[in-house]
Amino acid sequence: MLSVIVPIYNEEKYIEHCIQSILEQDYPKDDLEVLFVDGMSSDKTRSIVSSYSEKYPFIFLLDNPNRIVSYAMNVGIKASKGDIIMRLDAHSFYEKDYFSVLTKRLIELDADNVGVVCKTDVLNKTPKTLAIREVLSNKFGVGNSTFRTGVNKVKEVDTVPFGCWRRDVFEKYGLYDVRLVRNQDIELSKRIINGGGKIFIVPDTFCTYLARETFRGLAKNNFGNGKWNILTVFYTKKFSSLSLRHFVPLLFVLSLIIPPLLSIFWFPFAWISIVSLGLYCGVLGVISLKLSINKHLNFFYLIWSFMVLHLSYGFGSLVGILKLPFIK
């Protein structure tokens, strides 16, 4: 029995793409339940899911009045009946063998969690959205995140997108940390690894994540990610809850802010910011030019997409630090 949990909130733009890909899975429907856990959506999300649950007896709609993903996952886990539990994201759609591959690999590898590469795409393809899509799949954009940049063999990793677990994993390592608005999956993965568990990414299939299509949406999402990197460390009291790559944008932003302040007392400090910004702009320009030529993308949209991603993430982390003294 496979229990699939999908946290949702105001997803009317994406939810049908997700549901259709679930219906097309080659996994036997008699051994499947899909639990959509809704944060009390104010758009048409609930009515869309309800219309499918009336047609398909394995689709259910549950309530999540707390509106946080970690609460939604815990609601779904407690309500589920499956021997294997899988998380999906409503902003994504999945290859037809996604369920069967992950459940099979989970057993074969004797793993605590397995996942696959999450490719990035956009619903509406324009020069701007294609640039955003490229940046969210590029190592200069997202670092050494294996599940975004790709893999061609089974590999042990620190985390995977979404996840597929045996039920007893939650009995052994605990449920989701409800204090975390972001980074819940990463924190759980780190808890599993620190407890001696194993997480694998496999190349046999993939899912497709539908990215934000505006610079404002990109900035808002990554500002939140950056802020919750800091808050995750604060709440868990462990730097090991995350990886070094999560703090690189913060270090870059600090290199632009702190040296000019110190230069008031000793001007040579300003050279740190000048060098940091110069190196960043140089690398940014070279990478964007190559991508523009090789993949026929708009150079200026690429430049802006990288900058929005990195700066919003870094400033989010900075705001997270400034917020710490005010957290009870």
C-alpha atoms as a PDB file:
ATOM      1  CA  MET A   1       0.000   0.000   0.000  1.00  0.00           C
ATOM      2  CA  LEU A   2       1.364   3.404  -1.037  1.00  0.00           C
ATOM      3  CA  SER A   3       0.148   6.586   0.650  1.00  0.00           C
ATOM      4  CA  VAL A   4       0.860   9.774  -1.305  1.00  0.00           C
ATOM      5  CA  ILE A   5       0.610  13.053   0.616  1.00  0.00           C
ATOM      6  CA  VAL A   6       0.290  16.372  -1.214  1.00  0.00           C
ATOM      7  CA  PRO A   7       0.314  19.582   0.881  1.00  0.00           C
ATOM      8  CA  ILE A   8      -1.680  22.265  -0.975  1.00  0.00           C
ATOM      9  CA  TYR A   9      -2.750  25.886  -0.569  1.00  0.00           C
ATOM     10  CA  ASN A  10      -4.199  28.078  -3.327  1.00  0.00           C
ATOM     11  CA  GLU A  11      -2.855  25.909  -6.149  1.00  0.00           C
ATOM     12  CA  GLU A  12      -5.655  26.289  -8.711  1.00  0.00           C
ATOM     13  CA  LYS A  13      -3.149  27.245 -11.418  1.00  0.00           C
ATOM     14  CA  TYR A  14      -1.113  24.044 -11.001  1.00  0.00           C
ATOM     15  CA  ILE A  15      -3.210  21.427  -9.225  1.00  0.00           C
ATOM     16  CA  GLU A  16      -4.783  19.784 -12.283  1.00  0.00           C
ATOM     17  CA  HIS A  17      -1.370  19.209 -13.878  1.00  0.00           C
ATOM     18  CA  CYS A  18      -0.357  17.423 -10.674  1.00  0.00           C
ATOM     19  CA  ILE A  19      -3.542  15.351 -10.411  1.00  0.00           C
ATOM     20  CA  GLN A  20      -3.474  14.300 -14.063  1.00  0.00           C
ATOM     21  CA  SER A  21       0.089  13.024 -13.683  1.00  0.00           C
ATOM     22  CA  ILE A  22      -1.039  11.036 -10.607  1.00  0.00           C
ATOM     23  CA  LEU A  23      -3.925   9.470 -12.528  1.00  0.00           C
ATOM     24  CA  GLU A  24      -1.521   8.404 -15.293  1.00  0.00           C
ATOM     25  CA  GLN A  25       0.800   6.531 -12.914  1.00  0.00           C
ATOM     26  CA  ASP A  26       1.400   2.850 -13.713  1.00  0.00           C
ATOM     27  CA  TYR A  27       1.136   1.974 -10.000  1.00  0.00           C
ATOM     28  CA  PRO A  28      -1.905  -0.231  -9.195  1.00  0.00           C
ATOM     29  CA  LYS A  29      -4.713   2.029  -8.011  1.00  0.00           C
ATOM     30  CA  ASP A  30      -6.064  -0.636  -5.624  1.00  0.00           C
ATOM     31  CA  ASP A  31      -2.826  -0.269  -3.620  1.00  0.00           C
ATOM     32  CA  LEU A  32      -2.837   3.520  -3.658  1.00  0.00           C
ATOM     33  CA  GLU A  33      -4.284   6.402  -1.653  1.00  0.00           C
ATOM     34  CA  VAL A  34      -3.643  10.078  -2.417  1.00  0.00           C
ATOM     35  CA  LEU A  35      -4.193  12.546   0.421  1.00  0.00           C
ATOM     36  CA  PHE A  36      -4.419  16.221  -0.547  1.00  0.00           C
ATOM     37  CA  VAL A  37      -3.947  18.158   2.699  1.00  0.00           C
ATOM     38  CA  ASP A  38      -5.248  21.676   2.158  1.00  0.00           C
ATOM     39  CA  GLY A  39      -4.372  24.798   4.149  1.00  0.00           C
ATOM     40  CA  MET A  40      -7.943  26.081   3.739  1.00  0.00           C
ATOM     41  CA  SER A  41      -7.443  27.484   0.226  1.00  0.00           C
ATOM     42  CA  SER A  42      -9.381  30.607  -0.741  1.00  0.00           C
ATOM     43  CA  ASP A  43      -9.304  29.934  -4.492  1.00  0.00           C
ATOM     44  CA  LYS A  44     -10.760  26.996  -6.475  1.00  0.00           C
ATOM     45  CA  THR A  45      -8.219  24.442  -5.243  1.00  0.00           C
ATOM     46  CA  ARG A  46     -10.592  22.666  -2.866  1.00  0.00           C
ATOM     47  CA  SER A  47     -13.407  22.395  -5.407  1.00  0.00           C
ATOM     48  CA  ILE A  48     -11.015  21.037  -8.037  1.00  0.00           C
ATOM     49  CA  VAL A  49      -9.693  18.333  -5.690  1.00  0.00           C
ATOM     50  CA  SER A  50     -13.216  17.532  -4.484  1.00  0.00           C
ATOM     51  CA  SER A  51     -14.400  16.993  -8.044  1.00  0.00           C
ATOM     52  CA  TYR A  52     -11.644  14.413  -8.563  1.00  0.00           C
ATOM     53  CA  SER A  53     -12.265  12.708  -5.210  1.00  0.00           C
ATOM     54  CA  GLU A  54     -15.889  12.135  -6.272  1.00  0.00           C
ATOM     55  CA  LYS A  55     -14.689  10.288  -9.385  1.00  0.00           C
ATOM     56  CA  TYR A  56     -11.732   8.411  -7.918  1.00  0.00           C
ATOM     57  CA  PRO A  57     -12.135   6.589  -4.577  1.00  0.00           C
ATOM     58  CA  PHE A  58      -8.392   6.687  -3.808  1.00  0.00           C
ATOM     59  CA  ILE A  59      -8.269  10.523  -3.760  1.00  0.00           C
ATOM     60  CA  PHE A  60      -9.058  12.289  -0.460  1.00  0.00           C
ATOM     61  CA  LEU A  61      -9.166  15.905   0.715  1.00  0.00           C
ATOM     62  CA  LEU A  62      -8.004  16.644   4.282  1.00  0.00           C
ATOM     63  CA  ASP A  63      -7.888  19.958   6.170  1.00  0.00           C
ATOM     64  CA  ASN A  64      -4.791  21.723   7.463  1.00  0.00           C
ATOM     65  CA  PRO A  65      -5.968  24.827   9.360  1.00  0.00           C
ATOM     66  CA  ASN A  66      -2.364  25.607  10.377  1.00  0.00           C
ATOM     67  CA  ARG A  67      -1.441  26.287   6.699  1.00  0.00           C
ATOM     68  CA  ILE A  68       2.141  25.076   7.141  1.00  0.00           C
ATOM     69  CA  VAL A  69       3.616  22.203   5.120  1.00  0.00           C
ATOM     70  CA  SER A  70       5.067  20.428   8.143  1.00  0.00           C
ATOM     71  CA  TYR A  71       1.613  20.341   9.772  1.00  0.00           C
ATOM     72  CA  ALA A  72       0.113  19.109   6.488  1.00  0.00           C
ATOM     73  CA  MET A  73       2.627  16.274   6.257  1.00  0.00           C
ATOM     74  CA  ASN A  74       1.998  15.197   9.840  1.00  0.00           C
ATOM     75  CA  VAL A  75      -1.768  15.254   9.270  1.00  0.00           C
ATOM     76  CA  GLY A  76      -1.287  13.113   6.164  1.00  0.00           C
ATOM     77  CA  ILE A  77       1.128  10.665   7.806  1.00  0.00           C
ATOM     78  CA  LYS A  78      -1.206  10.101  10.751  1.00  0.00           C
ATOM     79  CA  ALA A  79      -4.225   9.624   8.463  1.00  0.00           C
ATOM     80  CA  SER A  80      -2.424   7.395   5.965  1.00  0.00           C
ATOM     81  CA  LYS A  81      -2.643   3.616   5.805  1.00  0.00           C
ATOM     82  CA  GLY A  82       0.288   2.799   3.541  1.00  0.00           C
ATOM     83  CA  ASP A  83       3.396   0.741   4.202  1.00  0.00           C
ATOM     84  CA  ILE A  84       5.249   3.321   2.111  1.00  0.00           C
ATOM     85  CA  ILE A  85       4.673   7.080   2.353  1.00  0.00           C
ATOM     86  CA  MET A  86       5.510   9.507  -0.445  1.00  0.00           C
ATOM     87  CA  ARG A  87       5.360  13.285  -0.574  1.00  0.00           C
ATOM     88  CA  LEU A  88       4.474  15.211  -3.730  1.00  0.00           C
ATOM     89  CA  ASP A  89       4.421  18.919  -4.497  1.00  0.00           C
ATOM     90  CA  ALA A  90       1.402  20.472  -6.201  1.00  0.00           C
ATOM     91  CA  HIS A  91       3.705  22.748  -8.242  1.00  0.00           C
ATOM     92  CA  SER A  92       5.026  19.655 -10.030  1.00  0.00           C
ATOM     93  CA  PHE A  93       4.008  16.814 -12.286  1.00  0.00           C
ATOM     94  CA  TYR A  94       5.446  13.302 -12.434  1.00  0.00           C
ATOM     95  CA  GLU A  95       6.532  10.712 -14.981  1.00  0.00           C
ATOM     96  CA  LYS A  96       4.216   7.713 -15.362  1.00  0.00           C
ATOM     97  CA  ASP A  97       6.630   5.363 -13.579  1.00  0.00           C
ATOM     98  CA  TYR A  98       7.427   7.769 -10.728  1.00  0.00           C
ATOM     99  CA  PHE A  99       5.529   5.842  -8.028  1.00  0.00           C
ATOM    100  CA  SER A 100       6.652   2.397  -9.160  1.00  0.00           C
ATOM    101  CA  VAL A 101      10.320   3.362  -9.527  1.00  0.00           C
ATOM    102  CA  LEU A 102      10.594   5.015  -6.103  1.00  0.00           C
ATOM    103  CA  THR A 103       8.797   2.253  -4.210  1.00  0.00           C
ATOM    104  CA  LYS A 104      10.882  -0.413  -5.969  1.00  0.00           C
ATOM    105  CA  ARG A 105      14.172   1.412  -5.316  1.00  0.00           C
ATOM    106  CA  LEU A 106      13.256   2.083  -1.685  1.00  0.00           C
ATOM    107  CA  ILE A 107      13.050  -1.669  -1.103  1.00  0.00           C
ATOM    108  CA  GLU A 108      16.001  -2.664  -3.319  1.00  0.00           C
ATOM    109  CA  LEU A 109      18.397  -0.184  -1.708  1.00  0.00           C
ATOM    110  CA  ASP A 110      17.087  -0.814   1.812  1.00  0.00           C
ATOM    111  CA  ALA A 111      16.930   2.978   2.024  1.00  0.00           C
ATOM    112  CA  ASP A 112      15.294   5.292   4.521  1.00  0.00           C
ATOM    113  CA  ASN A 113      14.402   7.795   1.797  1.00  0.00           C
ATOM    114  CA  VAL A 114      14.730   7.871  -1.984  1.00  0.00           C
ATOM    115  CA  GLY A 115      14.113  10.539  -4.588  1.00  0.00           C
ATOM    116  CA  VAL A 116      14.893  11.537  -8.133  1.00  0.00           C
ATOM    117  CA  VAL A 117      16.060  14.538 -10.116  1.00  0.00           C
ATOM    118  CA  CYS A 118      13.565  17.385 -10.123  1.00  0.00           C
ATOM    119  CA  LYS A 119      13.738  19.169 -13.473  1.00  0.00           C
ATOM    120  CA  THR A 120      12.607  22.775 -13.633  1.00  0.00           C
ATOM    121  CA  ASP A 121      10.121  24.049 -16.197  1.00  0.00           C
ATOM    122  CA  VAL A 122       7.555  26.830 -16.613  1.00  0.00           C
ATOM    123  CA  LEU A 123       3.941  26.766 -17.736  1.00  0.00           C
ATOM    124  CA  ASN A 124       4.222  29.803 -20.030  1.00  0.00           C
ATOM    125  CA  LYS A 125       7.374  29.894 -22.121  1.00  0.00           C
ATOM    126  CA  THR A 126       8.610  33.436 -22.771  1.00  0.00           C
ATOM    127  CA  PRO A 127      12.158  34.856 -22.937  1.00  0.00           C
ATOM    128  CA  LYS A 128      11.878  35.863 -19.272  1.00  0.00           C
ATOM    129  CA  THR A 129      10.462  32.580 -17.947  1.00  0.00           C
ATOM    130  CA  LEU A 130      12.942  30.516 -19.952  1.00  0.00           C
ATOM    131  CA  ALA A 131      15.787  32.505 -18.392  1.00  0.00           C
ATOM    132  CA  ILE A 132      14.359  31.885 -14.900  1.00  0.00           C
ATOM    133  CA  ARG A 133      14.030  28.186 -15.697  1.00  0.00           C
ATOM    134  CA  GLU A 134      17.660  27.964 -16.791  1.00  0.00           C
ATOM    135  CA  VAL A 135      18.981  29.781 -13.721  1.00  0.00           C
ATOM    136  CA  LEU A 136      17.096  27.420 -11.389  1.00  0.00           C
ATOM    137  CA  SER A 137      18.819  24.444 -13.039  1.00  0.00           C
ATOM    138  CA  ASN A 138      22.313  25.927 -13.242  1.00  0.00           C
ATOM    139  CA  LYS A 139      25.105  25.200 -10.740  1.00  0.00           C
ATOM    140  CA  PHE A 140      25.967  28.885 -10.511  1.00  0.00           C
ATOM    141  CA  GLY A 141      22.340  29.493  -9.598  1.00  0.00           C
ATOM    142  CA  VAL A 142      21.599  26.672  -7.164  1.00  0.00           C
ATOM    143  CA  GLY A 143      25.037  25.360  -6.176  1.00  0.00           C
ATOM    144  CA  ASN A 144      25.852  21.666  -5.972  1.00  0.00           C
ATOM    145  CA  SER A 145      22.251  20.605  -5.403  1.00  0.00           C
ATOM    146  CA  THR A 146      22.329  17.170  -7.069  1.00  0.00           C
ATOM    147  CA  PHE A 147      18.581  16.814  -7.431  1.00  0.00           C
ATOM    148  CA  ARG A 148      18.480  20.022  -9.507  1.00  0.00           C
ATOM    149  CA  THR A 149      21.623  19.642 -11.599  1.00  0.00           C
ATOM    150  CA  GLY A 150      21.156  15.966 -12.521  1.00  0.00           C
ATOM    151  CA  VAL A 151      22.533  12.491 -11.843  1.00  0.00           C
ATOM    152  CA  ASN A 152      23.303   9.461 -14.051  1.00  0.00           C
ATOM    153  CA  LYS A 153      23.700   6.752 -11.397  1.00  0.00           C
ATOM    154  CA  VAL A 154      22.399   5.808  -7.962  1.00  0.00           C
ATOM    155  CA  LYS A 155      24.047   8.118  -5.460  1.00  0.00           C
ATOM    156  CA  GLU A 156      23.896   8.598  -1.702  1.00  0.00           C
ATOM    157  CA  VAL A 157      22.973  12.227  -0.937  1.00  0.00           C
ATOM    158  CA  ASP A 158      22.076  14.545   1.951  1.00  0.00           C
ATOM    159  CA  THR A 159      18.510  15.224   0.775  1.00  0.00           C
ATOM    160  CA  VAL A 160      16.105  14.677  -2.111  1.00  0.00           C
ATOM    161  CA  PRO A 161      13.070  16.634  -3.290  1.00  0.00           C
ATOM    162  CA  PHE A 162       9.784  15.542  -1.736  1.00  0.00           C
ATOM    163  CA  GLY A 163      10.712  11.978  -0.640  1.00  0.00           C
ATOM    164  CA  CYS A 164       9.597   8.366  -0.379  1.00  0.00           C
ATOM    165  CA  TRP A 165       9.918   6.626   2.989  1.00  0.00           C
ATOM    166  CA  ARG A 166       8.976   3.392   4.710  1.00  0.00           C
ATOM    167  CA  ARG A 167       6.401   4.090   7.407  1.00  0.00           C
ATOM    168  CA  ASP A 168       8.758   2.973  10.170  1.00  0.00           C
ATOM    169  CA  VAL A 169      11.163   5.810   9.313  1.00  0.00           C
ATOM    170  CA  PHE A 170       8.780   8.249  11.008  1.00  0.00           C
ATOM    171  CA  GLU A 171       8.498   5.975  14.009  1.00  0.00           C
ATOM    172  CA  LYS A 172      12.289   5.859  14.287  1.00  0.00           C
ATOM    173  CA  TYR A 173      13.263   9.463  13.467  1.00  0.00           C
ATOM    174  CA  GLY A 174      10.065  11.351  14.295  1.00  0.00           C
ATOM    175  CA  LEU A 175       7.549  13.389  12.309  1.00  0.00           C
ATOM    176  CA  TYR A 176       8.068  16.745  10.627  1.00  0.00           C
ATOM    177  CA  ASP A 177       9.222  19.662  12.779  1.00  0.00           C
ATOM    178  CA  VAL A 178       6.156  21.932  12.909  1.00  0.00           C
ATOM    179  CA  ARG A 179       8.236  24.962  13.936  1.00  0.00           C
ATOM    180  CA  LEU A 180       9.666  25.140  10.406  1.00  0.00           C
ATOM    181  CA  VAL A 181       7.761  27.006   7.706  1.00  0.00           C
ATOM    182  CA  ARG A 182      10.504  26.147   5.180  1.00  0.00           C
ATOM    183  CA  ASN A 183      13.284  23.527   5.009  1.00  0.00           C
ATOM    184  CA  GLN A 184      11.122  20.830   6.604  1.00  0.00           C
ATOM    185  CA  ASP A 185      12.299  18.153   4.163  1.00  0.00           C
ATOM    186  CA  ILE A 186      15.965  19.120   4.489  1.00  0.00           C
ATOM    187  CA  GLU A 187      15.784  19.084   8.287  1.00  0.00           C
ATOM    188  CA  LEU A 188      14.088  15.676   8.290  1.00  0.00           C
ATOM    189  CA  SER A 189      16.703  14.339   5.869  1.00  0.00           C
ATOM    190  CA  LYS A 190      19.530  15.591   8.072  1.00  0.00           C
ATOM    191  CA  ARG A 191      17.868  13.968  11.088  1.00  0.00           C
ATOM    192  CA  ILE A 192      17.737  10.662   9.234  1.00  0.00           C
ATOM    193  CA  ILE A 193      21.391  10.856   8.156  1.00  0.00           C
ATOM    194  CA  ASN A 194      22.588  11.966  11.597  1.00  0.00           C
ATOM    195  CA  GLY A 195      20.746   8.967  13.031  1.00  0.00           C
ATOM    196  CA  GLY A 196      22.591   6.569  10.731  1.00  0.00           C
ATOM    197  CA  GLY A 197      19.993   6.345   7.956  1.00  0.00           C
ATOM    198  CA  LYS A 198      20.638   6.421   4.210  1.00  0.00           C
ATOM    199  CA  ILE A 199      19.122   8.598   1.475  1.00  0.00           C
ATOM    200  CA  PHE A 200      19.578   7.875  -2.220  1.00  0.00           C
ATOM    201  CA  ILE A 201      18.838   9.690  -5.447  1.00  0.00           C
ATOM    202  CA  VAL A 202      18.176   7.433  -8.448  1.00  0.00           C
ATOM    203  CA  PRO A 203      18.357   8.212 -12.189  1.00  0.00           C
ATOM    204  CA  ASP A 204      15.517   5.959 -13.372  1.00  0.00           C
ATOM    205  CA  THR A 205      12.787   8.614 -13.600  1.00  0.00           C
ATOM    206  CA  PHE A 206      12.191  12.270 -12.751  1.00  0.00           C
ATOM    207  CA  CYS A 207       9.617  14.864 -11.817  1.00  0.00           C
ATOM    208  CA  THR A 208       9.119  18.352 -13.217  1.00  0.00           C
ATOM    209  CA  TYR A 209       8.790  21.391 -10.978  1.00  0.00           C
ATOM    210  CA  LEU A 210       6.892  24.380 -12.360  1.00  0.00           C
ATOM    211  CA  ALA A 211       8.824  27.463 -11.270  1.00  0.00           C
ATOM    212  CA  ARG A 212       7.594  30.959 -10.506  1.00  0.00           C
ATOM    213  CA  GLU A 213       7.360  32.950 -13.711  1.00  0.00           C
ATOM    214  CA  THR A 214       7.982  36.495 -12.453  1.00  0.00           C
ATOM    215  CA  PHE A 215      11.023  38.100 -10.857  1.00  0.00           C
ATOM    216  CA  ARG A 216       8.833  39.163  -7.961  1.00  0.00           C
ATOM    217  CA  GLY A 217       7.678  35.579  -7.411  1.00  0.00           C
ATOM    218  CA  LEU A 218      11.267  34.324  -7.700  1.00  0.00           C
ATOM    219  CA  ALA A 219      12.476  36.916  -5.187  1.00  0.00           C
ATOM    220  CA  LYS A 220       9.652  36.259  -2.709  1.00  0.00           C
ATOM    221  CA  ASN A 221      10.189  32.499  -2.755  1.00  0.00           C
ATOM    222  CA  ASN A 222      13.955  32.671  -2.332  1.00  0.00           C
ATOM    223  CA  PHE A 223      13.806  35.426   0.268  1.00  0.00           C
ATOM    224  CA  GLY A 224      11.707  33.031   2.343  1.00  0.00           C
ATOM    225  CA  ASN A 225      14.140  30.181   1.693  1.00  0.00           C
ATOM    226  CA  GLY A 226      17.072  32.298   2.804  1.00  0.00           C
ATOM    227  CA  LYS A 227      15.343  33.534   5.943  1.00  0.00           C
ATOM    228  CA  TRP A 228      14.317  30.061   6.989  1.00  0.00           C
ATOM    229  CA  ASN A 229      17.851  28.745   6.582  1.00  0.00           C
ATOM    230  CA  ILE A 230      18.766  30.858   9.590  1.00  0.00           C
ATOM    231  CA  LEU A 231      15.588  30.119  11.520  1.00  0.00           C
ATOM    232  CA  THR A 232      16.016  26.388  10.888  1.00  0.00           C
ATOM    233  CA  VAL A 233      19.440  26.476  12.540  1.00  0.00           C
ATOM    234  CA  PHE A 234      17.997  28.558  15.396  1.00  0.00           C
ATOM    235  CA  TYR A 235      15.104  26.194  16.102  1.00  0.00           C
ATOM    236  CA  THR A 236      17.050  22.948  15.684  1.00  0.00           C
ATOM    237  CA  LYS A 237      20.187  24.321  17.410  1.00  0.00           C
ATOM    238  CA  LYS A 238      22.239  22.483  14.773  1.00  0.00           C
ATOM    239  CA  PHE A 239      24.195  23.870  11.821  1.00  0.00           C
ATOM    240  CA  SER A 240      24.131  20.306  10.500  1.00  0.00           C
ATOM    241  CA  SER A 241      20.407  20.752   9.802  1.00  0.00           C
ATOM    242  CA  LEU A 242      21.562  22.396   6.556  1.00  0.00           C
ATOM    243  CA  SER A 243      24.567  22.340   4.218  1.00  0.00           C
ATOM    244  CA  LEU A 244      27.261  24.946   3.507  1.00  0.00           C
ATOM    245  CA  ARG A 245      25.742  25.833   0.116  1.00  0.00           C
ATOM    246  CA  HIS A 246      22.676  27.240   1.876  1.00  0.00           C
ATOM    247  CA  PHE A 247      24.767  30.039   3.413  1.00  0.00           C
ATOM    248  CA  VAL A 248      26.864  31.142   0.414  1.00  0.00           C
ATOM    249  CA  PRO A 249      24.384  33.871  -0.690  1.00  0.00           C
ATOM    250  CA  LEU A 250      24.427  35.291   2.853  1.00  0.00           C
ATOM    251  CA  LEU A 251      28.232  35.488   2.820  1.00  0.00           C
ATOM    252  CA  PHE A 252      28.089  37.305  -0.533  1.00  0.00           C
ATOM    253  CA  VAL A 253      25.554  39.867   0.730  1.00  0.00           C
ATOM    254  CA  LEU A 254      27.575  40.429   3.906  1.00  0.00           C
ATOM    255  CA  SER A 255      30.685  41.008   1.781  1.00  0.00           C
ATOM    256  CA  LEU A 256      28.840  43.877   0.106  1.00  0.00           C
ATOM    257  CA  ILE A 257      27.471  45.447   3.291  1.00  0.00           C
ATOM    258  CA  ILE A 258      29.981  45.075   6.135  1.00  0.00           C
ATOM    259  CA  PRO A 259      33.262  46.249   4.471  1.00  0.00           C
ATOM    260  CA  PRO A 260      31.804  49.664   3.421  1.00  0.00           C
ATOM    261  CA  LEU A 261      30.713  50.202   7.025  1.00  0.00           C
ATOM    262  CA  LEU A 262      34.173  49.268   8.317  1.00  0.00           C
ATOM    263  CA  SER A 263      35.792  51.520   5.705  1.00  0.00           C
ATOM    264  CA  ILE A 264      34.503  54.494   7.684  1.00  0.00           C
ATOM    265  CA  PHE A 265      37.226  53.654  10.174  1.00  0.00           C
ATOM    266  CA  TRP A 266      39.802  52.287   7.723  1.00  0.00           C
ATOM    267  CA  PHE A 267      39.196  52.820   4.015  1.00  0.00           C
ATOM    268  CA  PRO A 268      41.036  49.717   2.659  1.00  0.00           C
ATOM    269  CA  PHE A 269      38.150  47.577   3.970  1.00  0.00           C
ATOM    270  CA  ALA A 270      36.135  48.890   1.012  1.00  0.00           C
ATOM    271  CA  TRP A 271      38.333  46.858  -1.326  1.00  0.00           C
ATOM    272  CA  ILE A 272      36.764  43.654   0.020  1.00  0.00           C
ATOM    273  CA  SER A 273      33.374  44.719  -1.350  1.00  0.00           C
ATOM    274  CA  ILE A 274      34.892  45.958  -4.587  1.00  0.00           C
ATOM    275  CA  VAL A 275      36.717  42.678  -5.193  1.00  0.00           C
ATOM    276  CA  SER A 276      33.715  40.580  -4.172  1.00  0.00           C
ATOM    277  CA  LEU A 277      31.346  42.479  -6.453  1.00  0.00           C
ATOM    278  CA  GLY A 278      33.882  42.511  -9.287  1.00  0.00           C
ATOM    279  CA  LEU A 279      34.454  38.758  -9.152  1.00  0.00           C
ATOM    280  CA  TYR A 280      30.713  38.098  -8.959  1.00  0.00           C
ATOM    281  CA  CYS A 281      29.926  40.356 -11.916  1.00  0.00           C
ATOM    282  CA  GLY A 282      32.752  38.815 -13.945  1.00  0.00           C
ATOM    283  CA  VAL A 283      31.610  35.249 -13.367  1.00  0.00           C
ATOM    284  CA  LEU A 284      27.969  36.279 -13.813  1.00  0.00           C
ATOM    285  CA  GLY A 285      28.709  37.920 -17.144  1.00  0.00           C
ATOM    286  CA  VAL A 286      30.744  34.997 -18.523  1.00  0.00           C
ATOM    287  CA  ILE A 287      28.196  32.340 -17.506  1.00  0.00           C
ATOM    288  CA  SER A 288      25.234  34.369 -18.763  1.00  0.00           C
ATOM    289  CA  LEU A 289      26.963  35.031 -22.085  1.00  0.00           C
ATOM    290  CA  LYS A 290      27.732  31.349 -22.608  1.00  0.00           C
ATOM    291  CA  LEU A 291      24.160  30.347 -21.757  1.00  0.00           C
ATOM    292  CA  SER A 292      22.799  33.070 -24.014  1.00  0.00           C
ATOM    293  CA  ILE A 293      24.863  31.834 -26.973  1.00  0.00           C
ATOM    294  CA  ASN A 294      24.584  28.075 -26.412  1.00  0.00           C
ATOM    295  CA  LYS A 295      20.911  27.940 -25.441  1.00  0.00           C
ATOM    296  CA  HIS A 296      19.616  31.004 -27.298  1.00  0.00           C
ATOM    297  CA  LEU A 297      18.398  32.748 -24.153  1.00  0.00           C
ATOM    298  CA  ASN A 298      18.077  36.456 -23.430  1.00  0.00           C
ATOM    299  CA  PHE A 299      21.360  37.668 -21.911  1.00  0.00           C
ATOM    300  CA  PHE A 300      19.837  40.446 -19.808  1.00  0.00           C
ATOM    301  CA  TYR A 301      17.061  38.243 -18.426  1.00  0.00           C
ATOM    302  CA  LEU A 302      19.729  35.712 -17.417  1.00  0.00           C
ATOM    303  CA  ILE A 303      21.772  38.383 -15.643  1.00  0.00           C
ATOM    304  CA  TRP A 304      18.737  39.656 -13.780  1.00  0.00           C
ATOM    305  CA  SER A 305      17.479  36.164 -12.885  1.00  0.00           C
ATOM    306  CA  PHE A 306      20.812  35.191 -11.313  1.00  0.00           C
ATOM    307  CA  MET A 307      20.991  38.455  -9.371  1.00  0.00           C
ATOM    308  CA  VAL A 308      17.399  38.248  -8.125  1.00  0.00           C
ATOM    309  CA  LEU A 309      17.945  34.640  -7.015  1.00  0.00           C
ATOM    310  CA  HIS A 310      21.217  35.254  -5.187  1.00  0.00           C
ATOM    311  CA  LEU A 311      20.441  38.624  -3.611  1.00  0.00           C
ATOM    312  CA  SER A 312      16.912  37.765  -2.452  1.00  0.00           C
ATOM    313  CA  TYR A 313      18.234  34.527  -0.908  1.00  0.00           C
ATOM    314  CA  GLY A 314      21.136  36.318   0.793  1.00  0.00           C
ATOM    315  CA  PHE A 315      19.038  39.216   2.098  1.00  0.00           C
ATOM    316  CA  GLY A 316      16.464  36.704   3.348  1.00  0.00           C
ATOM    317  CA  SER A 317      19.181  35.067   5.450  1.00  0.00           C
ATOM    318  CA  LEU A 318      20.289  38.476   6.737  1.00  0.00           C
ATOM    319  CA  VAL A 319      16.721  39.328   7.774  1.00  0.00           C
ATOM    320  CA  GLY A 320      16.557  35.938   9.494  1.00  0.00           C
ATOM    321  CA  ILE A 321      19.620  36.868  11.590  1.00  0.00           C
ATOM    322  CA  LEU A 322      18.164  40.275  12.460  1.00  0.00           C
ATOM    323  CA  LYS A 323      14.913  38.604  13.509  1.00  0.00           C
ATOM    324  CA  LEU A 324      16.526  36.235  16.012  1.00  0.00           C
ATOM    325  CA  PRO A 325      16.562  38.612  19.035  1.00  0.00           C
ATOM    326  CA  PHE A 326      12.787  39.091  18.701  1.00  0.00           C
ATOM    327  CA  ILE A 327      11.848  35.393  18.644  1.00  0.00           C
ATOM    328  CA  LYS A 328      10.420  34.140  21.903  1.00  0.00           C
END
